[in-house]
Amino acid sequence: MLKREQILMTDWLSEWFHHCAKKYDISYSELIRITLCLQVGEWVSKEYPEYEFDFSERKMTKEFNKLLKTKRFEEELHRSFSKLYFEARKAVDFLEAQEKKKNRPAKEK
């Protein structure tokens, strides 16, 4: 489910997002969601090196450019985005579980 949020960003960043959204023919808000999901996954994997996030900006860009050349671009693109969203959610779930373990009081013997 999507939730409406209001964000403020600098002019240059907003213009860059609009440029990229137009270039790749995806919505502005979807581009922001993709970027946030990529960054969340990267953050979790840096915070906890044992967690392997299956996406990277480089990998996503390569896949995106490869998909641009296919006939089923839109279908494959949305499949790729869905996988990214799923993996980012798993990363957040992992992070939350790790944080709970840190905050759990030690058991008495």
Protein backbone atom coordinates (compact mmCIF):
# COMPACT_ATOMS: atom_id res chain seq x y z
CA MET A 1 0.00 0.00 0.00
CA LEU A 2 1.27 3.45 -0.82
CA LYS A 3 1.07 6.32 1.62
CA ARG A 4 1.09 9.94 0.53
CA GLU A 5 4.00 11.90 1.98
CA GLN A 6 5.21 15.42 1.46
CA ILE A 7 8.94 15.90 1.06
CA LEU A 8 11.05 18.97 0.55
CA MET A 9 14.20 18.88 -1.53
CA THR A 10 16.50 21.37 -3.12
CA ASP A 11 15.73 22.67 -6.60
CA TRP A 12 18.71 20.97 -8.23
CA LEU A 13 17.76 17.56 -6.77
CA SER A 14 14.13 17.92 -7.77
CA GLU A 15 15.13 18.92 -11.30
CA TRP A 16 17.47 15.95 -11.52
CA PHE A 17 14.73 13.53 -10.40
CA HIS A 18 12.32 15.03 -12.94
CA HIS A 19 14.97 14.68 -15.66
CA CYS A 20 15.62 11.02 -14.81
CA ALA A 21 11.93 10.19 -14.54
CA LYS A 22 11.34 11.63 -18.00
CA LYS A 23 14.45 9.96 -19.45
CA TYR A 24 13.43 6.50 -18.22
CA ASP A 25 9.69 7.03 -18.63
CA ILE A 26 8.74 6.30 -15.05
CA SER A 27 6.84 8.44 -12.58
CA TYR A 28 8.59 10.94 -10.38
CA SER A 29 7.29 9.27 -7.22
CA GLU A 30 8.34 5.82 -8.42
CA LEU A 31 11.85 7.08 -9.07
CA ILE A 32 12.01 8.43 -5.51
CA ARG A 33 10.72 5.09 -4.13
CA ILE A 34 13.36 3.20 -6.13
CA THR A 35 16.12 5.50 -4.91
CA LEU A 36 15.01 5.21 -1.30
CA CYS A 37 14.78 1.42 -1.50
CA LEU A 38 18.27 1.19 -2.98
CA GLN A 39 19.65 3.40 -0.25
CA VAL A 40 17.86 1.53 2.55
CA GLY A 41 19.34 -1.74 1.34
CA GLU A 42 22.82 -0.24 1.06
CA TRP A 43 22.49 1.27 4.54
CA VAL A 44 21.48 -2.02 6.14
CA SER A 45 24.27 -3.95 4.42
CA LYS A 46 26.83 -1.36 5.57
CA GLU A 47 25.48 -1.37 9.12
CA TYR A 48 25.42 -5.19 9.19
CA PRO A 49 28.01 -6.60 6.74
CA GLU A 50 26.62 -10.11 7.22
CA TYR A 51 23.44 -8.95 5.44
CA GLU A 52 23.75 -9.15 1.68
CA PHE A 53 21.48 -6.78 -0.21
CA ASP A 54 20.90 -8.20 -3.69
CA PHE A 55 20.72 -4.82 -5.44
CA SER A 56 23.06 -1.96 -6.10
CA GLU A 57 22.72 1.25 -8.07
CA ARG A 58 25.20 -0.08 -10.63
CA LYS A 59 23.36 -3.38 -11.00
CA MET A 60 20.01 -1.60 -11.27
CA THR A 61 21.33 0.79 -13.95
CA LYS A 62 22.77 -2.08 -16.00
CA GLU A 63 19.53 -4.02 -15.76
CA PHE A 64 17.51 -0.93 -16.63
CA ASN A 65 19.59 -0.22 -19.75
CA LYS A 66 19.32 -3.89 -20.78
CA LEU A 67 15.55 -3.80 -20.36
CA LEU A 68 15.26 -0.66 -22.49
CA LYS A 69 16.24 -2.82 -25.48
CA THR A 70 13.58 -5.49 -24.95
CA LYS A 71 10.04 -5.61 -26.29
CA ARG A 72 8.58 -6.39 -22.88
CA PHE A 73 10.29 -3.42 -21.24
CA GLU A 74 7.44 -2.20 -19.08
CA GLU A 75 6.46 -5.63 -17.78
CA GLU A 76 10.05 -6.62 -16.96
CA LEU A 77 10.80 -3.24 -15.46
CA HIS A 78 7.90 -3.46 -13.01
CA ARG A 79 8.92 -7.01 -12.12
CA SER A 80 12.40 -5.71 -11.32
CA PHE A 81 10.98 -2.86 -9.23
CA SER A 82 8.77 -5.29 -7.32
CA LYS A 83 11.79 -7.42 -6.51
CA LEU A 84 13.68 -4.32 -5.33
CA TYR A 85 10.77 -3.28 -3.08
CA PHE A 86 10.59 -6.80 -1.65
CA GLU A 87 14.34 -6.93 -0.98
CA ALA A 88 14.29 -3.48 0.64
CA ARG A 89 11.45 -4.61 2.90
CA LYS A 90 13.45 -7.69 3.88
CA ALA A 91 16.42 -5.44 4.67
CA VAL A 92 14.28 -3.24 6.92
CA ASP A 93 12.83 -6.32 8.65
CA PHE A 94 16.37 -7.63 9.23
CA LEU A 95 17.46 -4.25 10.61
CA GLU A 96 14.50 -4.09 12.98
CA ALA A 97 15.19 -7.63 14.23
CA GLN A 98 18.84 -6.76 14.87
CA GLU A 99 17.88 -3.58 16.70
CA LYS A 100 15.46 -5.53 18.92
CA LYS A 101 18.23 -7.99 19.80
CA LYS A 102 20.51 -5.12 20.84
CA ASN A 103 17.84 -3.59 23.06
CA ARG A 104 16.74 -6.85 24.67
CA PRO A 105 17.87 -7.17 28.29
CA ALA A 106 20.24 -10.05 29.01
CA LYS A 107 18.60 -13.16 30.50
CA GLU A 108 19.47 -13.93 34.09
CA LYS A 109 20.91 -17.34 34.89
